[in-house]
C-alpha cells in the first residue's frame, strides 16, 4: 500500500501538522518501530526528506521543500518490503 498526501503550509504551521501526521501514522501501525527516524537535508537547507518506521514494518516517508516562508510536504506510506501491495 502506498498513500500520498501533499500538503502546503505556512512556515509557522509546519511542525504541529508534521507531528500530528507522524503520531496518527504510528497510532495506526502499532507505535514506533525499532529503527530510528532517518533524515537528510540538502546542503542549502531548502529541501530534504525524513522517514519514520512503525512497529508493523510500515514506513512514513516525507519529502519536503521550502521557498521563502512556505514549506511543501509530500507524505507517502510504504508497506513493509516483501508484503503484497508493497514495494520490493
Protein backbone atom coordinates (compact mmCIF):
# COMPACT_ATOMS: atom_id res chain seq x y z
CA UNK A 1 0.00 0.00 0.00
CA UNK A 2 1.28 3.43 -0.90
CA UNK A 3 -0.58 6.59 0.05
CA UNK A 4 0.37 10.12 -1.00
CA UNK A 5 -0.66 13.17 0.98
CA UNK A 6 0.56 16.50 -0.35
CA UNK A 7 0.30 19.47 1.98
CA UNK A 8 1.47 23.06 1.78
CA UNK A 9 1.79 25.05 4.98
CA UNK A 10 2.98 28.44 6.13
CA UNK A 11 6.32 28.08 7.91
CA UNK A 12 4.91 28.62 11.40
CA UNK A 13 2.28 25.91 10.89
CA UNK A 14 4.58 23.11 9.75
CA UNK A 15 5.75 21.49 12.99
CA UNK A 16 2.34 20.79 14.58
CA UNK A 17 0.91 19.35 11.33
CA UNK A 18 4.01 17.28 10.76
CA UNK A 19 3.97 15.95 14.31
CA UNK A 20 0.22 15.19 14.12
CA UNK A 21 0.75 13.25 10.88
CA UNK A 22 3.55 11.18 12.46
CA UNK A 23 1.52 10.46 15.60
CA UNK A 24 -1.55 9.45 13.56
CA UNK A 25 0.58 7.13 11.40
CA UNK A 26 2.23 5.48 14.43
CA UNK A 27 -1.16 5.03 16.15
CA UNK A 28 -2.48 3.11 13.11
CA UNK A 29 0.62 0.93 12.82
CA UNK A 30 1.32 -0.24 16.37
CA UNK A 31 3.61 2.53 17.58
CA UNK A 32 7.22 3.33 16.79
CA UNK A 33 9.46 0.66 15.32
CA UNK A 34 12.95 -0.22 16.49
CA UNK A 35 14.58 1.59 13.54
CA UNK A 36 15.31 5.23 14.41
CA UNK A 37 13.95 8.06 12.28
CA UNK A 38 16.18 8.76 9.28
CA UNK A 39 16.50 12.15 7.62
CA UNK A 40 18.57 14.10 5.15
CA UNK A 41 18.68 17.80 4.30
CA UNK A 42 20.01 19.49 1.16
CA UNK A 43 23.25 21.48 1.62
CA UNK A 44 21.28 24.71 1.13
CA UNK A 45 18.69 23.63 3.71
CA UNK A 46 15.79 24.21 1.32
CA UNK A 47 14.67 20.60 0.99
CA UNK A 48 15.13 17.08 2.16
CA UNK A 49 13.32 14.02 3.44
CA UNK A 50 12.69 12.03 6.58
CA UNK A 51 11.33 8.56 7.23
CA UNK A 52 9.62 7.18 10.35
CA UNK A 53 9.40 3.41 10.94
CA UNK A 54 6.37 1.82 12.62
CA UNK A 55 6.30 -1.36 14.72
CA UNK A 56 4.46 -3.32 11.99
CA UNK A 57 7.11 -2.52 9.37
CA UNK A 58 5.31 0.32 7.59
CA UNK A 59 7.28 3.49 6.85
CA UNK A 60 6.09 7.08 6.61
CA UNK A 61 8.30 8.93 4.13
CA UNK A 62 8.12 12.71 3.81
CA UNK A 63 9.79 14.74 1.07
CA UNK A 64 9.85 18.42 1.92
CA UNK A 65 10.95 21.63 0.29
CA UNK A 66 10.77 25.25 1.27
CA UNK A 67 10.71 28.50 -0.64
CA UNK A 68 10.70 31.66 1.45
CA UNK A 69 8.19 31.25 4.25
CA UNK A 70 6.34 28.35 2.56
CA UNK A 71 7.07 24.66 3.02
CA UNK A 72 5.60 21.83 0.96
CA UNK A 73 5.34 18.35 2.44
CA UNK A 74 4.64 15.14 0.50
CA UNK A 75 3.86 12.13 2.70
CA UNK A 76 4.00 8.58 1.38
CA UNK A 77 3.14 5.48 3.41
CA UNK A 78 5.18 2.47 2.35
CA UNK A 79 4.23 -1.13 3.14
CA UNK A 80 6.88 -3.45 4.54
CA UNK A 81 9.15 -4.91 1.87
CA UNK A 82 8.01 -8.28 0.61
CA UNK A 83 4.33 -7.84 1.55
CA UNK A 84 1.61 -7.95 -1.09
CA UNK A 85 0.91 -4.46 -2.38
CA UNK A 86 4.22 -3.13 -1.07
CA UNK A 87 7.45 -2.25 -2.85
CA UNK A 88 10.23 -4.80 -3.22
